[in-house]
Amino acid sequence: MEDDKIIELFYERSEQAITELSDKYGSICNKIADNILNNRQDAEECVNDAYLAVWNTVPPQKPDPLISYVCRIVRNLAVKKYHENTAVKRNSFYDVSLEEIEECLSVEASQEGELEAKEVSEMINRFLAGLDKKSRMIFIRRYWYSDSIEEIAERFDTGGHYISVRLSRIRKALKKYLKKEGVNL
């Protein structure tokens, strides 16, 4: 079913909207949550909570594209659950990917004018838009979807070492770009 038809079902308050949303985007939502949480039960809970959040926000929202809207909600809920679950312990997949990107994004706070997260986000989007498609997809698979190096290597039919090196170069370029844009790292 097309996204606009699913959104119409939400506007009609039809429970079929949840079923159609789950049928169309359930696997990607579960993958995102499972990659972050590394726990099937918690991942399913986050996805179900995301469906409820979509139900409660559409209407009045009319998300376009729907997949980005749903995935963002799932990711935010999974990250929140992850922080609740790992206040003391460590989750290998997600912690490792966070540590990799942290050096590029740990902005120093300044009293005279801290960059807003939205501004940094826009800078990162501009940086990503300037990358070739393959590099952009590798970066997003690792740091948005939290795919492992092995999963990305398999997706791109290459070795894990190649992906690790490419990600390292992208992070260095991102750090250089952000410094050039005036972000204090």
Protein backbone atom coordinates (compact mmCIF):
# COMPACT_ATOMS: atom_id res chain seq x y z
CA MET A 1 0.00 0.00 0.00
CA GLU A 2 1.24 3.49 -0.81
CA ASP A 3 2.25 5.84 2.01
CA ASP A 4 -0.48 8.37 1.25
CA LYS A 5 -3.12 5.63 1.56
CA ILE A 6 -1.68 4.54 4.92
CA ILE A 7 -1.75 8.15 6.12
CA GLU A 8 -5.38 8.42 4.97
CA LEU A 9 -6.17 5.39 7.14
CA PHE A 10 -4.57 7.16 10.12
CA TYR A 11 -6.67 10.24 9.40
CA GLU A 12 -9.78 8.02 9.28
CA ARG A 13 -8.63 6.51 12.63
CA SER A 14 -8.81 3.06 11.08
CA GLU A 15 -6.90 0.36 12.97
CA GLN A 16 -5.97 -1.02 9.54
CA ALA A 17 -3.43 1.84 9.39
CA ILE A 18 -1.25 0.13 12.01
CA THR A 19 -1.46 -3.19 10.16
CA GLU A 20 -0.50 -1.60 6.86
CA LEU A 21 2.32 0.37 8.48
CA SER A 22 3.65 -2.79 10.10
CA ASP A 23 3.39 -4.78 6.87
CA LYS A 24 5.25 -2.14 4.89
CA TYR A 25 7.89 -0.91 7.35
CA GLY A 26 7.88 -3.44 10.20
CA SER A 27 11.06 -5.24 9.14
CA ILE A 28 13.17 -2.07 8.82
CA CYS A 29 11.79 -0.75 12.12
CA ASN A 30 12.62 -4.01 13.89
CA LYS A 31 16.10 -4.02 12.34
CA ILE A 32 16.84 -0.50 13.59
CA ALA A 33 15.59 -1.22 17.11
CA ASP A 34 17.32 -4.61 17.28
CA ASN A 35 20.64 -3.16 16.09
CA ILE A 36 20.55 -0.57 18.85
CA LEU A 37 19.16 -2.70 21.65
CA ASN A 38 20.53 -6.13 20.75
CA ASN A 39 17.45 -7.56 22.45
CA ARG A 40 14.51 -8.85 20.39
CA GLN A 41 11.87 -8.30 23.07
CA ASP A 42 12.93 -4.70 23.78
CA ALA A 43 13.14 -4.04 20.03
CA GLU A 44 9.58 -5.28 19.48
CA GLU A 45 8.39 -3.14 22.38
CA CYS A 46 10.01 -0.04 20.86
CA VAL A 47 8.48 -0.74 17.46
CA ASN A 48 5.03 -1.18 19.01
CA ASP A 49 5.51 2.04 20.99
CA ALA A 50 6.50 3.75 17.74
CA TYR A 51 3.29 2.59 16.07
CA LEU A 52 1.34 4.04 18.99
CA ALA A 53 3.29 7.31 18.66
CA VAL A 54 2.44 7.46 14.95
CA TRP A 55 -1.22 6.77 15.81
CA ASN A 56 -1.15 9.65 18.32
CA THR A 57 0.58 12.14 16.00
CA VAL A 58 -1.06 11.40 12.63
CA PRO A 59 -3.21 13.47 12.46
CA PRO A 60 -2.35 16.34 12.79
CA GLN A 61 1.06 15.48 11.31
CA LYS A 62 1.19 14.40 7.69
CA PRO A 63 4.68 12.91 7.42
CA ASP A 64 6.43 12.89 4.07
CA PRO A 65 8.18 10.54 3.68
CA LEU A 66 6.43 8.19 6.08
CA ILE A 67 9.37 5.79 6.38
CA SER A 68 11.69 8.53 7.70
CA TYR A 69 9.08 9.62 10.21
CA VAL A 70 8.49 6.11 11.54
CA CYS A 71 12.18 5.17 11.56
CA ARG A 72 13.09 8.34 13.46
CA ILE A 73 10.50 7.55 16.13
CA VAL A 74 11.71 3.94 16.39
CA ARG A 75 15.34 5.04 16.61
CA ASN A 76 14.62 7.67 19.28
CA LEU A 77 12.64 5.20 21.37
CA ALA A 78 15.32 2.53 20.98
CA VAL A 79 18.09 4.93 21.99
CA LYS A 80 16.07 5.98 25.04
CA LYS A 81 15.49 2.32 25.98
CA TYR A 82 19.15 1.57 25.32
CA HIS A 83 20.24 4.27 27.78
CA GLU A 84 17.79 2.91 30.37
CA ASN A 85 19.12 -0.63 29.88
CA THR A 86 22.82 0.21 29.84
CA ALA A 87 23.27 2.71 32.62
CA VAL A 88 25.97 0.41 33.99
CA LYS A 89 26.67 -2.20 31.32
CA ARG A 90 27.90 -2.03 27.73
CA ASN A 91 26.24 -3.08 24.44
CA SER A 92 28.92 -3.87 21.87
CA PHE A 93 27.28 -2.93 18.55
CA TYR A 94 25.80 0.40 19.50
CA ASP A 95 28.51 1.54 21.92
CA VAL A 96 31.24 0.85 19.38
CA SER A 97 29.48 2.83 16.64
CA LEU A 98 28.84 5.69 19.09
CA GLU A 99 32.48 5.76 20.14
CA GLU A 100 33.58 5.85 16.49
CA ILE A 101 31.48 8.90 15.64
CA GLU A 102 31.83 10.63 19.02
CA GLU A 103 35.19 12.22 18.19
CA CYS A 104 33.58 14.00 15.24
CA LEU A 105 30.55 15.22 17.12
CA SER A 106 31.67 16.03 20.65
CA VAL A 107 31.22 19.77 20.46
CA GLU A 108 32.73 21.87 23.24
CA ALA A 109 30.24 23.98 25.13
CA SER A 110 30.92 27.68 25.19
CA GLN A 111 29.09 30.22 27.27
CA GLU A 112 29.05 32.82 24.49
CA GLY A 113 27.14 30.76 22.01
CA GLU A 114 26.82 27.02 21.81
CA LEU A 115 25.93 25.69 18.38
CA GLU A 116 22.42 24.37 18.32
CA ALA A 117 22.03 20.68 17.56
CA LYS A 118 19.92 21.63 14.55
CA GLU A 119 22.77 23.69 13.07
CA VAL A 120 25.24 20.84 13.50
CA SER A 121 22.69 18.46 12.01
CA GLU A 122 22.33 20.71 8.96
CA MET A 123 26.13 20.81 8.59
CA ILE A 124 26.29 17.01 8.72
CA ASN A 125 23.54 16.79 6.12
CA ARG A 126 25.48 19.13 3.82
CA PHE A 127 28.62 17.05 4.38
CA LEU A 128 26.78 13.83 3.57
CA ALA A 129 25.23 15.37 0.46
CA GLY A 130 28.76 16.04 -0.79
CA LEU A 131 29.83 12.41 -0.45
CA ASP A 132 29.54 9.86 -3.21
CA LYS A 133 26.45 7.65 -2.90
CA LYS A 134 28.34 4.57 -1.66
CA SER A 135 30.18 6.47 1.09
CA ARG A 136 26.97 8.17 2.17
CA MET A 137 25.14 4.83 2.33
CA ILE A 138 27.97 3.19 4.31
CA PHE A 139 27.98 6.09 6.79
CA ILE A 140 24.20 6.02 7.23
CA ARG A 141 24.07 2.23 7.57
CA ARG A 142 26.67 2.42 10.35
CA TYR A 143 25.62 5.51 12.27
CA TRP A 144 21.86 5.74 11.66
CA TYR A 145 20.82 2.10 11.30
CA SER A 146 23.65 0.88 13.59
CA ASP A 147 24.58 -1.96 11.24
CA SER A 148 27.71 -3.88 12.14
CA ILE A 149 30.83 -3.63 9.96
CA GLU A 150 30.19 -7.21 8.82
CA GLU A 151 26.60 -6.45 7.80
CA ILE A 152 27.70 -3.43 5.80
CA ALA A 153 30.51 -5.38 4.15
CA GLU A 154 28.05 -8.09 3.16
CA ARG A 155 25.57 -5.51 1.82
CA PHE A 156 28.28 -3.94 -0.36
CA ASP A 157 29.90 -7.27 -1.24
CA THR A 158 33.29 -6.30 0.15
CA GLY A 159 35.50 -6.99 3.16
CA GLY A 160 35.11 -5.67 6.66
CA HIS A 161 38.56 -4.06 6.58
CA TYR A 162 37.58 -2.03 3.51
CA ILE A 163 34.44 -0.77 5.29
CA SER A 164 36.39 0.07 8.47
CA VAL A 165 38.98 2.05 6.52
CA ARG A 166 36.32 3.84 4.50
CA LEU A 167 34.38 4.78 7.64
CA SER A 168 37.58 6.03 9.26
CA ARG A 169 38.27 8.27 6.28
CA ILE A 170 34.70 9.57 6.24
CA ARG A 171 34.89 10.39 9.97
CA LYS A 172 38.19 12.23 9.47
CA ALA A 173 36.68 14.18 6.57
CA LEU A 174 33.60 14.98 8.66
CA LYS A 175 35.74 16.21 11.53
CA LYS A 176 37.76 18.40 9.16
CA TYR A 177 34.56 19.72 7.58
CA LEU A 178 32.99 20.59 10.93
CA LYS A 179 36.15 22.38 12.06
CA LYS A 180 36.16 24.35 8.79
CA GLU A 181 32.53 25.29 9.47
CA GLY A 182 33.53 26.70 12.86
CA VAL A 183 32.51 23.85 15.14
CA ASN A 184 34.92 23.55 18.09
CA LEU A 185 35.70 19.88 18.55
